[in-house]
Full PDB file with SEQRES, HELIX, SHEET, SSBOND, CRYST1, ORIGX, SCALE, CONECT and MASTER records, all heavy atoms in Angstrom:
SEQRES   1 A   29  THR ARG TRP ALA GLU VAL THR VAL ALA GLU GLN GLU ALA          
SEQRES   2 A   29  LEU THR SER ALA GLY ARG CYS GLN GLN GLY ASP ALA LEU          
SEQRES   3 A   29  GLY SER ALA                                                  
SHEET    1 AA1 2 GLU A   5  VAL A   8  0                                        
SHEET    2 AA1 2 ALA A  25  SER A  28 -1                                        
SHEET    1 AA2 2 ALA A  13  THR A  15  0                                        
SHEET    2 AA2 2 GLY A  18  CYS A  20 -1                                        
CRYST1    1.000    1.000    1.000  90.00  90.00  90.00 P 1           1          
ORIGX1      1.000000  0.000000  0.000000        0.00000                         
ORIGX2      0.000000  1.000000  0.000000        0.00000                         
ORIGX3      0.000000  0.000000  1.000000        0.00000                         
SCALE1      1.000000  0.000000  0.000000        0.00000                         
SCALE2      0.000000  1.000000  0.000000        0.00000                         
SCALE3      0.000000  0.000000  1.000000        0.00000                         
ATOM      1  N   THR A   1     126.580  48.323  79.115  1.00  0.00           N  
ATOM      2  CA  THR A   1     125.282  48.111  78.570  1.00  0.00           C  
ATOM      3  C   THR A   1     124.480  49.312  78.628  1.00  0.00           C  
ATOM      4  O   THR A   1     124.141  49.727  79.752  1.00  0.00           O  
ATOM      5  CB  THR A   1     124.574  46.916  79.309  1.00  0.00           C  
ATOM      6  OG1 THR A   1     125.334  45.748  79.160  1.00  0.00           O  
ATOM      7  CG2 THR A   1     123.267  46.662  78.667  1.00  0.00           C  
ATOM      8  N   ARG A   2     124.131  49.941  77.447  1.00  0.00           N  
ATOM      9  CA  ARG A   2     123.350  51.249  77.476  1.00  0.00           C  
ATOM     10  C   ARG A   2     121.957  50.637  77.548  1.00  0.00           C  
ATOM     11  O   ARG A   2     121.463  49.822  76.906  1.00  0.00           O  
ATOM     12  CB  ARG A   2     123.544  51.936  76.120  1.00  0.00           C  
ATOM     13  CG  ARG A   2     125.021  52.282  75.896  1.00  0.00           C  
ATOM     14  CD  ARG A   2     125.149  53.368  74.818  1.00  0.00           C  
ATOM     15  NE  ARG A   2     124.694  52.924  73.553  1.00  0.00           N  
ATOM     16  CZ  ARG A   2     125.258  52.107  72.716  1.00  0.00           C  
ATOM     17  NH1 ARG A   2     126.395  51.661  73.034  1.00  0.00           N  
ATOM     18  NH2 ARG A   2     124.699  51.821  71.527  1.00  0.00           N  
ATOM     19  N   TRP A   3     121.160  51.248  78.510  1.00  0.00           N  
ATOM     20  CA  TRP A   3     119.870  50.770  78.887  1.00  0.00           C  
ATOM     21  C   TRP A   3     118.841  51.860  78.477  1.00  0.00           C  
ATOM     22  O   TRP A   3     119.098  53.003  78.545  1.00  0.00           O  
ATOM     23  CB  TRP A   3     119.668  50.378  80.328  1.00  0.00           C  
ATOM     24  CG  TRP A   3     119.940  51.410  81.326  1.00  0.00           C  
ATOM     25  CD1 TRP A   3     121.112  52.032  81.683  1.00  0.00           C  
ATOM     26  CD2 TRP A   3     118.823  52.144  81.920  1.00  0.00           C  
ATOM     27  NE1 TRP A   3     120.863  53.026  82.605  1.00  0.00           N  
ATOM     28  CE2 TRP A   3     119.373  53.108  82.761  1.00  0.00           C  
ATOM     29  CE3 TRP A   3     117.480  52.180  81.886  1.00  0.00           C  
ATOM     30  CZ2 TRP A   3     118.719  54.112  83.621  1.00  0.00           C  
ATOM     31  CZ3 TRP A   3     116.731  53.094  82.683  1.00  0.00           C  
ATOM     32  CH2 TRP A   3     117.392  53.996  83.495  1.00  0.00           C  
ATOM     33  N   ALA A   4     117.650  51.388  78.119  1.00  0.00           N  
ATOM     34  CA  ALA A   4     116.544  52.252  77.804  1.00  0.00           C  
ATOM     35  C   ALA A   4     115.248  51.551  78.086  1.00  0.00           C  
ATOM     36  O   ALA A   4     115.247  50.398  78.311  1.00  0.00           O  
ATOM     37  CB  ALA A   4     116.672  52.722  76.239  1.00  0.00           C  
ATOM     38  N   GLU A   5     114.175  52.329  78.031  1.00  0.00           N  
ATOM     39  CA  GLU A   5     112.832  51.741  78.369  1.00  0.00           C  
ATOM     40  C   GLU A   5     111.732  52.579  77.708  1.00  0.00           C  
ATOM     41  O   GLU A   5     111.905  53.730  77.523  1.00  0.00           O  
ATOM     42  CB  GLU A   5     112.610  51.587  79.784  1.00  0.00           C  
ATOM     43  CG  GLU A   5     112.631  52.874  80.629  1.00  0.00           C  
ATOM     44  CD  GLU A   5     112.518  52.550  82.120  1.00  0.00           C  
ATOM     45  OE1 GLU A   5     112.844  51.462  82.538  1.00  0.00           O  
ATOM     46  OE2 GLU A   5     112.076  53.449  82.827  1.00  0.00           O  
ATOM     47  N   VAL A   6     110.673  51.872  77.488  1.00  0.00           N  
ATOM     48  CA  VAL A   6     109.459  52.598  76.951  1.00  0.00           C  
ATOM     49  C   VAL A   6     108.465  52.613  77.988  1.00  0.00           C  
ATOM     50  O   VAL A   6     108.104  51.413  78.499  1.00  0.00           O  
ATOM     51  CB  VAL A   6     109.007  51.990  75.559  1.00  0.00           C  
ATOM     52  CG1 VAL A   6     107.744  52.657  75.211  1.00  0.00           C  
ATOM     53  CG2 VAL A   6     110.032  52.033  74.537  1.00  0.00           C  
ATOM     54  N   THR A   7     107.868  53.623  78.398  1.00  0.00           N  
ATOM     55  CA  THR A   7     106.789  53.733  79.382  1.00  0.00           C  
ATOM     56  C   THR A   7     105.644  54.601  78.819  1.00  0.00           C  
ATOM     57  O   THR A   7     105.772  55.104  77.726  1.00  0.00           O  
ATOM     58  CB  THR A   7     107.307  54.306  80.680  1.00  0.00           C  
ATOM     59  OG1 THR A   7     107.782  55.673  80.441  1.00  0.00           O  
ATOM     60  CG2 THR A   7     108.499  53.527  81.303  1.00  0.00           C  
ATOM     61  N   VAL A   8     104.581  54.719  79.667  1.00  0.00           N  
ATOM     62  CA  VAL A   8     103.430  55.459  79.259  1.00  0.00           C  
ATOM     63  C   VAL A   8     103.274  56.657  80.317  1.00  0.00           C  
ATOM     64  O   VAL A   8     103.247  56.355  81.551  1.00  0.00           O  
ATOM     65  CB  VAL A   8     102.131  54.665  79.164  1.00  0.00           C  
ATOM     66  CG1 VAL A   8     100.931  55.507  79.011  1.00  0.00           C  
ATOM     67  CG2 VAL A   8     102.306  53.614  78.281  1.00  0.00           C  
ATOM     68  N   ALA A   9     103.121  57.837  79.845  1.00  0.00           N  
ATOM     69  CA  ALA A   9     103.121  59.092  80.739  1.00  0.00           C  
ATOM     70  C   ALA A   9     101.782  58.941  81.604  1.00  0.00           C  
ATOM     71  O   ALA A   9     100.654  58.728  81.068  1.00  0.00           O  
ATOM     72  CB  ALA A   9     103.086  60.297  80.007  1.00  0.00           C  
ATOM     73  N   GLU A  10     101.965  59.057  82.924  1.00  0.00           N  
ATOM     74  CA  GLU A  10     100.746  58.978  83.774  1.00  0.00           C  
ATOM     75  C   GLU A  10     100.070  60.277  83.832  1.00  0.00           C  
ATOM     76  O   GLU A  10      98.919  60.440  84.361  1.00  0.00           O  
ATOM     77  CB  GLU A  10     101.163  58.504  85.174  1.00  0.00           C  
ATOM     78  CG  GLU A  10     101.733  57.083  85.140  1.00  0.00           C  
ATOM     79  CD  GLU A  10     102.061  56.663  86.566  1.00  0.00           C  
ATOM     80  OE1 GLU A  10     102.048  57.492  87.566  1.00  0.00           O  
ATOM     81  OE2 GLU A  10     102.645  55.412  86.756  1.00  0.00           O  
ATOM     82  N   GLN A  11     100.701  61.431  83.476  1.00  0.00           N  
ATOM     83  CA  GLN A  11     100.144  62.772  83.608  1.00  0.00           C  
ATOM     84  C   GLN A  11     100.881  63.682  82.736  1.00  0.00           C  
ATOM     85  O   GLN A  11     102.057  63.350  82.252  1.00  0.00           O  
ATOM     86  CB  GLN A  11     100.180  63.226  84.993  1.00  0.00           C  
ATOM     87  CG  GLN A  11     101.579  63.360  85.561  1.00  0.00           C  
ATOM     88  CD  GLN A  11     101.607  63.735  87.077  1.00  0.00           C  
ATOM     89  OE1 GLN A  11     100.538  63.739  87.692  1.00  0.00           O  
ATOM     90  NE2 GLN A  11     102.715  64.180  87.551  1.00  0.00           N  
ATOM     91  N   GLU A  12     100.339  64.795  82.468  1.00  0.00           N  
ATOM     92  CA  GLU A  12     101.046  65.883  81.776  1.00  0.00           C  
ATOM     93  C   GLU A  12     102.344  66.309  82.457  1.00  0.00           C  
ATOM     94  O   GLU A  12     102.285  66.472  83.649  1.00  0.00           O  
ATOM     95  CB  GLU A  12     100.156  67.103  81.475  1.00  0.00           C  
ATOM     96  CG  GLU A  12     100.857  68.150  80.650  1.00  0.00           C  
ATOM     97  CD  GLU A  12      99.992  69.353  80.422  1.00  0.00           C  
ATOM     98  OE1 GLU A  12      98.700  69.331  80.891  1.00  0.00           O  
ATOM     99  OE2 GLU A  12     100.448  70.351  79.762  1.00  0.00           O  
ATOM    100  N   ALA A  13     103.497  66.442  81.669  1.00  0.00           N  
ATOM    101  CA  ALA A  13     104.699  66.807  82.442  1.00  0.00           C  
ATOM    102  C   ALA A  13     105.582  67.458  81.438  1.00  0.00           C  
ATOM    103  O   ALA A  13     105.442  67.166  80.147  1.00  0.00           O  
ATOM    104  CB  ALA A  13     105.347  65.666  83.131  1.00  0.00           C  
ATOM    105  N   LEU A  14     106.542  68.163  81.920  1.00  0.00           N  
ATOM    106  CA  LEU A  14     107.719  68.588  81.044  1.00  0.00           C  
ATOM    107  C   LEU A  14     108.873  67.730  81.241  1.00  0.00           C  
ATOM    108  O   LEU A  14     109.417  67.600  82.213  1.00  0.00           O  
ATOM    109  CB  LEU A  14     108.034  70.217  81.485  1.00  0.00           C  
ATOM    110  CG  LEU A  14     109.142  70.819  80.715  1.00  0.00           C  
ATOM    111  CD1 LEU A  14     108.612  71.019  79.245  1.00  0.00           C  
ATOM    112  CD2 LEU A  14     109.495  72.180  81.282  1.00  0.00           C  
ATOM    113  N   THR A  15     109.355  67.133  80.078  1.00  0.00           N  
ATOM    114  CA  THR A  15     110.401  66.218  80.139  1.00  0.00           C  
ATOM    115  C   THR A  15     111.623  66.826  79.411  1.00  0.00           C  
ATOM    116  O   THR A  15     111.513  67.961  78.814  1.00  0.00           O  
ATOM    117  CB  THR A  15     110.104  64.949  79.412  1.00  0.00           C  
ATOM    118  OG1 THR A  15     110.026  65.120  78.109  1.00  0.00           O  
ATOM    119  CG2 THR A  15     108.725  64.448  79.999  1.00  0.00           C  
ATOM    120  N   SER A  16     112.719  66.091  79.350  1.00  0.00           N  
ATOM    121  CA  SER A  16     113.951  66.562  78.662  1.00  0.00           C  
ATOM    122  C   SER A  16     113.764  66.621  77.249  1.00  0.00           C  
ATOM    123  O   SER A  16     114.423  67.252  76.454  1.00  0.00           O  
ATOM    124  CB  SER A  16     115.100  65.688  79.070  1.00  0.00           C  
ATOM    125  OG  SER A  16     114.765  64.340  78.818  1.00  0.00           O  
ATOM    126  N   ALA A  17     112.585  65.934  76.708  1.00  0.00           N  
ATOM    127  CA  ALA A  17     112.383  65.928  75.250  1.00  0.00           C  
ATOM    128  C   ALA A  17     111.228  66.907  74.853  1.00  0.00           C  
ATOM    129  O   ALA A  17     110.764  66.838  73.760  1.00  0.00           O  
ATOM    130  CB  ALA A  17     112.060  64.548  74.734  1.00  0.00           C  
ATOM    131  N   GLY A  18     110.734  67.650  75.854  1.00  0.00           N  
ATOM    132  CA  GLY A  18     109.595  68.450  75.626  1.00  0.00           C  
ATOM    133  C   GLY A  18     108.348  68.021  76.522  1.00  0.00           C  
ATOM    134  O   GLY A  18     108.435  67.197  77.444  1.00  0.00           O  
ATOM    135  N   ARG A  19     107.316  68.628  76.297  1.00  0.00           N  
ATOM    136  CA  ARG A  19     106.094  68.365  77.062  1.00  0.00           C  
ATOM    137  C   ARG A  19     105.306  67.166  76.607  1.00  0.00           C  
ATOM    138  O   ARG A  19     105.259  66.996  75.414  1.00  0.00           O  
ATOM    139  CB  ARG A  19     105.020  69.572  77.044  1.00  0.00           C  
ATOM    140  CG  ARG A  19     103.897  69.447  78.032  1.00  0.00           C  
ATOM    141  CD  ARG A  19     103.141  70.753  78.112  1.00  0.00           C  
ATOM    142  NE  ARG A  19     104.012  71.742  78.775  1.00  0.00           N  
ATOM    143  CZ  ARG A  19     104.076  71.870  80.138  1.00  0.00           C  
ATOM    144  NH1 ARG A  19     103.481  70.968  80.901  1.00  0.00           N  
ATOM    145  NH2 ARG A  19     104.901  72.781  80.580  1.00  0.00           N  
ATOM    146  N   CYS A  20     104.932  66.231  77.496  1.00  0.00           N  
ATOM    147  CA  CYS A  20     104.163  65.074  77.227  1.00  0.00           C  
ATOM    148  C   CYS A  20     102.734  65.283  77.867  1.00  0.00           C  
ATOM    149  O   CYS A  20     102.538  66.015  78.852  1.00  0.00           O  
ATOM    150  CB  CYS A  20     104.893  63.895  77.774  1.00  0.00           C  
ATOM    151  SG  CYS A  20     104.850  63.668  79.465  1.00  0.00           S  
ATOM    152  N   GLN A  21     101.870  64.587  77.292  1.00  0.00           N  
ATOM    153  CA  GLN A  21     100.421  64.520  77.715  1.00  0.00           C  
ATOM    154  C   GLN A  21     100.234  63.092  78.391  1.00  0.00           C  
ATOM    155  O   GLN A  21     100.834  62.100  78.101  1.00  0.00           O  
ATOM    156  CB  GLN A  21      99.447  64.777  76.525  1.00  0.00           C  
ATOM    157  CG  GLN A  21      99.687  65.998  75.907  1.00  0.00           C  
ATOM    158  CD  GLN A  21      99.464  67.231  76.779  1.00  0.00           C  
ATOM    159  OE1 GLN A  21      98.594  67.276  77.644  1.00  0.00           O  
ATOM    160  NE2 GLN A  21     100.266  68.236  76.536  1.00  0.00           N  
ATOM    161  N   GLN A  22      99.246  63.049  79.208  1.00  0.00           N  
ATOM    162  CA  GLN A  22      98.828  61.742  79.847  1.00  0.00           C  
ATOM    163  C   GLN A  22      98.515  60.734  78.798  1.00  0.00           C  
ATOM    164  O   GLN A  22      97.813  60.921  77.742  1.00  0.00           O  
ATOM    165  CB  GLN A  22      97.659  61.903  80.741  1.00  0.00           C  
ATOM    166  CG  GLN A  22      97.249  60.666  81.455  1.00  0.00           C  
ATOM    167  CD  GLN A  22      95.991  60.877  82.357  1.00  0.00           C  
ATOM    168  OE1 GLN A  22      95.395  61.838  82.401  1.00  0.00           O  
ATOM    169  NE2 GLN A  22      95.739  59.774  83.209  1.00  0.00           N  
ATOM    170  N   GLY A  23      99.082  59.584  78.827  1.00  0.00           N  
ATOM    171  CA  GLY A  23      98.817  58.474  77.893  1.00  0.00           C  
ATOM    172  C   GLY A  23     100.009  58.527  76.743  1.00  0.00           C  
ATOM    173  O   GLY A  23      99.856  57.497  75.968  1.00  0.00           O  
ATOM    174  N   ASP A  24     100.799  59.456  76.683  1.00  0.00           N  
ATOM    175  CA  ASP A  24     101.848  59.539  75.623  1.00  0.00           C  
ATOM    176  C   ASP A  24     102.870  58.374  75.818  1.00  0.00           C  
ATOM    177  O   ASP A  24     103.053  57.981  77.028  1.00  0.00           O  
ATOM    178  CB  ASP A  24     102.623  60.732  75.531  1.00  0.00           C  
ATOM    179  CG  ASP A  24     101.936  61.870  74.857  1.00  0.00           C  
ATOM    180  OD1 ASP A  24     100.886  61.592  74.110  1.00  0.00           O  
ATOM    181  OD2 ASP A  24     102.257  63.111  74.853  1.00  0.00           O  
ATOM    182  N   ALA A  25     103.418  57.819  74.791  1.00  0.00           N  
ATOM    183  CA  ALA A  25     104.514  56.870  74.868  1.00  0.00           C  
ATOM    184  C   ALA A  25     105.801  57.606  75.125  1.00  0.00           C  
ATOM    185  O   ALA A  25     106.120  58.618  74.332  1.00  0.00           O  
ATOM    186  CB  ALA A  25     104.580  55.912  73.678  1.00  0.00           C  
ATOM    187  N   LEU A  26     106.606  57.207  76.107  1.00  0.00           N  
ATOM    188  CA  LEU A  26     107.899  57.893  76.351  1.00  0.00           C  
ATOM    189  C   LEU A  26     109.076  56.958  76.163  1.00  0.00           C  
ATOM    190  O   LEU A  26     108.970  55.767  76.748  1.00  0.00           O  
ATOM    191  CB  LEU A  26     107.855  58.362  77.842  1.00  0.00           C  
ATOM    192  CG  LEU A  26     106.779  59.271  78.320  1.00  0.00           C  
ATOM    193  CD1 LEU A  26     106.837  59.636  79.792  1.00  0.00           C  
ATOM    194  CD2 LEU A  26     106.692  60.543  77.457  1.00  0.00           C  
ATOM    195  N   GLY A  27     109.977  57.273  75.421  1.00  0.00           N  
ATOM    196  CA  GLY A  27     111.189  56.553  75.185  1.00  0.00           C  
ATOM    197  C   GLY A  27     112.418  57.148  75.963  1.00  0.00           C  
ATOM    198  O   GLY A  27     112.687  58.350  75.740  1.00  0.00           O  
ATOM    199  N   SER A  28     112.827  56.508  77.053  1.00  0.00           N  
ATOM    200  CA  SER A  28     113.950  57.016  77.802  1.00  0.00           C  
ATOM    201  C   SER A  28     115.209  56.212  77.583  1.00  0.00           C  
ATOM    202  O   SER A  28     115.259  55.064  77.468  1.00  0.00           O  
ATOM    203  CB  SER A  28     113.540  56.969  79.342  1.00  0.00           C  
ATOM    204  OG  SER A  28     112.358  57.647  79.570  1.00  0.00           O  
ATOM    205  N   ALA A  29     116.353  56.963  77.601  1.00  0.00           N  
ATOM    206  CA  ALA A  29     117.658  56.357  77.512  1.00  0.00           C  
ATOM    207  C   ALA A  29     118.486  56.799  78.656  1.00  0.00           C  
ATOM    208  O   ALA A  29     118.745  58.039  78.916  1.00  0.00           O  
ATOM    209  CB  ALA A  29     118.370  56.660  76.086  1.00  0.00           C  
TER     210      ALA A  29                                                      
MASTER        0    0    0    0    4    0    0    6  209    1    0    3          
END                                                                             
């Protein structure tokens, strides 16, 4: 079962998909 989730960024950060800002929607697999 491949799992994934959608969350909301709590702060600015550098992720594996690039930089996100606080409040951005993040899709993780």
